[in-house]
Amino acid sequence: MKKLIISAIIATAGLTASAASATTYWVQEGIKLNARTGPSTYYHAVGKFHGCTKLHVVAYKKGWAKVAYKHDYYWVSAKYLQNHACYKAKKHYKHY
């Protein structure tokens, strides 16, 4: 029983450390990035992230990033992430 409690404490500490070390990334502008249940195209796409969406990367696996978004986790292709916010130019309207 003592070993089980110690194992649970270690596992919980590991999860907390992972969440604390999340790195902020943004989806590249102009694309829609599939959010998947696992780290490959063999896993189901459960939604899409639009360009410039802010994500928190918590893990990597063979070109895939595990991201935290709105209290849930998804896998996305890491090649479509950037480490800076998107620049969105304000539209200027000419009034006649």
C-alpha atoms as a PDB file:
ATOM      1  CA  MET A   1       0.000   0.000   0.000  1.00  0.00           C
ATOM      2  CA  LYS A   2       2.857   2.367   0.854  1.00  0.00           C
ATOM      3  CA  LYS A   3       4.457   1.766  -2.569  1.00  0.00           C
ATOM      4  CA  LEU A   4       1.129   2.490  -4.295  1.00  0.00           C
ATOM      5  CA  ILE A   5       0.758   5.844  -2.522  1.00  0.00           C
ATOM      6  CA  ILE A   6       4.341   6.844  -3.334  1.00  0.00           C
ATOM      7  CA  SER A   7       3.830   5.864  -6.973  1.00  0.00           C
ATOM      8  CA  ALA A   8       0.656   7.966  -7.143  1.00  0.00           C
ATOM      9  CA  ILE A   9       2.458  10.973  -5.674  1.00  0.00           C
ATOM     10  CA  ILE A  10       5.318  10.640  -8.170  1.00  0.00           C
ATOM     11  CA  ALA A  11       2.908  10.278 -11.100  1.00  0.00           C
ATOM     12  CA  THR A  12       0.937  13.351 -10.012  1.00  0.00           C
ATOM     13  CA  ALA A  13       4.113  15.391  -9.604  1.00  0.00           C
ATOM     14  CA  GLY A  14       5.179  14.388 -13.113  1.00  0.00           C
ATOM     15  CA  LEU A  15       1.890  15.573 -14.603  1.00  0.00           C
ATOM     16  CA  THR A  16       2.098  18.878 -12.772  1.00  0.00           C
ATOM     17  CA  ALA A  17       5.647  19.465 -14.008  1.00  0.00           C
ATOM     18  CA  SER A  18       4.578  18.779 -17.610  1.00  0.00           C
ATOM     19  CA  ALA A  19       1.732  21.267 -17.432  1.00  0.00           C
ATOM     20  CA  ALA A  20       3.996  23.873 -15.828  1.00  0.00           C
ATOM     21  CA  SER A  21       6.592  23.516 -18.586  1.00  0.00           C
ATOM     22  CA  ALA A  22       4.144  24.047 -21.461  1.00  0.00           C
ATOM     23  CA  THR A  23       5.456  26.249 -24.250  1.00  0.00           C
ATOM     24  CA  THR A  24       3.227  28.727 -26.066  1.00  0.00           C
ATOM     25  CA  TYR A  25       2.893  28.403 -29.832  1.00  0.00           C
ATOM     26  CA  TRP A  26       0.472  29.692 -32.456  1.00  0.00           C
ATOM     27  CA  VAL A  27      -1.046  27.964 -35.475  1.00  0.00           C
ATOM     28  CA  GLN A  28       0.400  29.422 -38.670  1.00  0.00           C
ATOM     29  CA  GLU A  29      -1.721  32.134 -40.202  1.00  0.00           C
ATOM     30  CA  GLY A  30      -4.033  31.174 -43.068  1.00  0.00           C
ATOM     31  CA  ILE A  31      -4.437  27.455 -42.334  1.00  0.00           C
ATOM     32  CA  LYS A  32      -6.846  25.172 -40.529  1.00  0.00           C
ATOM     33  CA  LEU A  33      -4.945  22.582 -38.496  1.00  0.00           C
ATOM     34  CA  ASN A  34      -6.540  19.231 -37.667  1.00  0.00           C
ATOM     35  CA  ALA A  35      -6.794  18.423 -33.961  1.00  0.00           C
ATOM     36  CA  ARG A  36      -6.397  14.669 -33.492  1.00  0.00           C
ATOM     37  CA  THR A  37      -6.797  12.109 -30.718  1.00  0.00           C
ATOM     38  CA  GLY A  38      -3.252  10.778 -31.207  1.00  0.00           C
ATOM     39  CA  PRO A  39       0.098  11.562 -32.857  1.00  0.00           C
ATOM     40  CA  SER A  40      -0.470  10.486 -36.485  1.00  0.00           C
ATOM     41  CA  THR A  41      -2.936  10.796 -39.349  1.00  0.00           C
ATOM     42  CA  TYR A  42      -4.276   7.357 -38.393  1.00  0.00           C
ATOM     43  CA  TYR A  43      -6.012   8.957 -35.395  1.00  0.00           C
ATOM     44  CA  HIS A  44      -9.379  10.651 -35.789  1.00  0.00           C
ATOM     45  CA  ALA A  45      -9.574  14.382 -36.386  1.00  0.00           C
ATOM     46  CA  VAL A  46     -11.929  15.748 -33.744  1.00  0.00           C
ATOM     47  CA  GLY A  47     -11.801  19.391 -34.804  1.00  0.00           C
ATOM     48  CA  LYS A  48      -9.690  22.121 -36.374  1.00  0.00           C
ATOM     49  CA  PHE A  49      -7.645  25.012 -35.066  1.00  0.00           C
ATOM     50  CA  HIS A  50      -7.780  28.148 -37.172  1.00  0.00           C
ATOM     51  CA  GLY A  51      -4.685  30.160 -38.028  1.00  0.00           C
ATOM     52  CA  CYS A  52      -3.297  32.315 -35.194  1.00  0.00           C
ATOM     53  CA  THR A  53      -4.887  30.168 -32.457  1.00  0.00           C
ATOM     54  CA  LYS A  54      -2.746  30.223 -29.300  1.00  0.00           C
ATOM     55  CA  LEU A  55      -1.860  26.707 -28.059  1.00  0.00           C
ATOM     56  CA  HIS A  56       0.247  25.341 -25.219  1.00  0.00           C
ATOM     57  CA  VAL A  57       2.565  22.494 -26.267  1.00  0.00           C
ATOM     58  CA  VAL A  58       3.115  19.976 -23.465  1.00  0.00           C
ATOM     59  CA  ALA A  59       4.850  17.121 -25.356  1.00  0.00           C
ATOM     60  CA  TYR A  60       6.320  16.079 -28.708  1.00  0.00           C
ATOM     61  CA  LYS A  61       6.363  12.728 -30.498  1.00  0.00           C
ATOM     62  CA  LYS A  62       7.850  12.142 -33.975  1.00  0.00           C
ATOM     63  CA  GLY A  63       6.835  15.467 -35.526  1.00  0.00           C
ATOM     64  CA  TRP A  64       3.590  15.768 -33.574  1.00  0.00           C
ATOM     65  CA  ALA A  65       2.840  18.145 -30.720  1.00  0.00           C
ATOM     66  CA  LYS A  66       0.473  17.403 -27.851  1.00  0.00           C
ATOM     67  CA  VAL A  67      -1.305  20.661 -27.093  1.00  0.00           C
ATOM     68  CA  ALA A  68      -3.479  21.892 -24.257  1.00  0.00           C
ATOM     69  CA  TYR A  69      -6.469  23.975 -25.307  1.00  0.00           C
ATOM     70  CA  LYS A  70      -9.504  24.892 -23.189  1.00  0.00           C
ATOM     71  CA  HIS A  71      -8.860  22.204 -20.548  1.00  0.00           C
ATOM     72  CA  ASP A  72      -8.379  19.370 -23.046  1.00  0.00           C
ATOM     73  CA  TYR A  73      -5.493  17.797 -24.981  1.00  0.00           C
ATOM     74  CA  TYR A  74      -5.104  17.263 -28.729  1.00  0.00           C
ATOM     75  CA  TRP A  75      -2.350  16.219 -31.124  1.00  0.00           C
ATOM     76  CA  VAL A  76      -1.362  18.435 -34.074  1.00  0.00           C
ATOM     77  CA  SER A  77       1.364  18.340 -36.691  1.00  0.00           C
ATOM     78  CA  ALA A  78       4.208  20.387 -35.190  1.00  0.00           C
ATOM     79  CA  LYS A  79       5.342  21.717 -38.578  1.00  0.00           C
ATOM     80  CA  TYR A  80       2.343  24.083 -38.665  1.00  0.00           C
ATOM     81  CA  LEU A  81       3.161  25.786 -35.360  1.00  0.00           C
ATOM     82  CA  GLN A  82       5.163  28.963 -34.881  1.00  0.00           C
ATOM     83  CA  ASN A  83       6.724  30.402 -31.752  1.00  0.00           C
ATOM     84  CA  HIS A  84       5.392  33.930 -32.205  1.00  0.00           C
ATOM     85  CA  ALA A  85       1.974  35.514 -32.440  1.00  0.00           C
ATOM     86  CA  CYS A  86       0.533  36.306 -35.847  1.00  0.00           C
ATOM     87  CA  TYR A  87       0.665  39.800 -37.216  1.00  0.00           C
ATOM     88  CA  LYS A  88      -2.784  40.866 -38.234  1.00  0.00           C
ATOM     89  CA  ALA A  89      -2.845  44.199 -40.007  1.00  0.00           C
ATOM     90  CA  LYS A  90      -5.795  46.377 -39.169  1.00  0.00           C
ATOM     91  CA  LYS A  91      -8.015  47.054 -42.141  1.00  0.00           C
ATOM     92  CA  HIS A  92      -8.229  50.656 -43.102  1.00  0.00           C
ATOM     93  CA  TYR A  93     -11.438  51.828 -44.672  1.00  0.00           C
ATOM     94  CA  LYS A  94     -11.616  54.898 -46.762  1.00  0.00           C
ATOM     95  CA  HIS A  95     -14.737  56.942 -46.074  1.00  0.00           C
ATOM     96  CA  TYR A  96     -16.216  58.942 -48.908  1.00  0.00           C
END
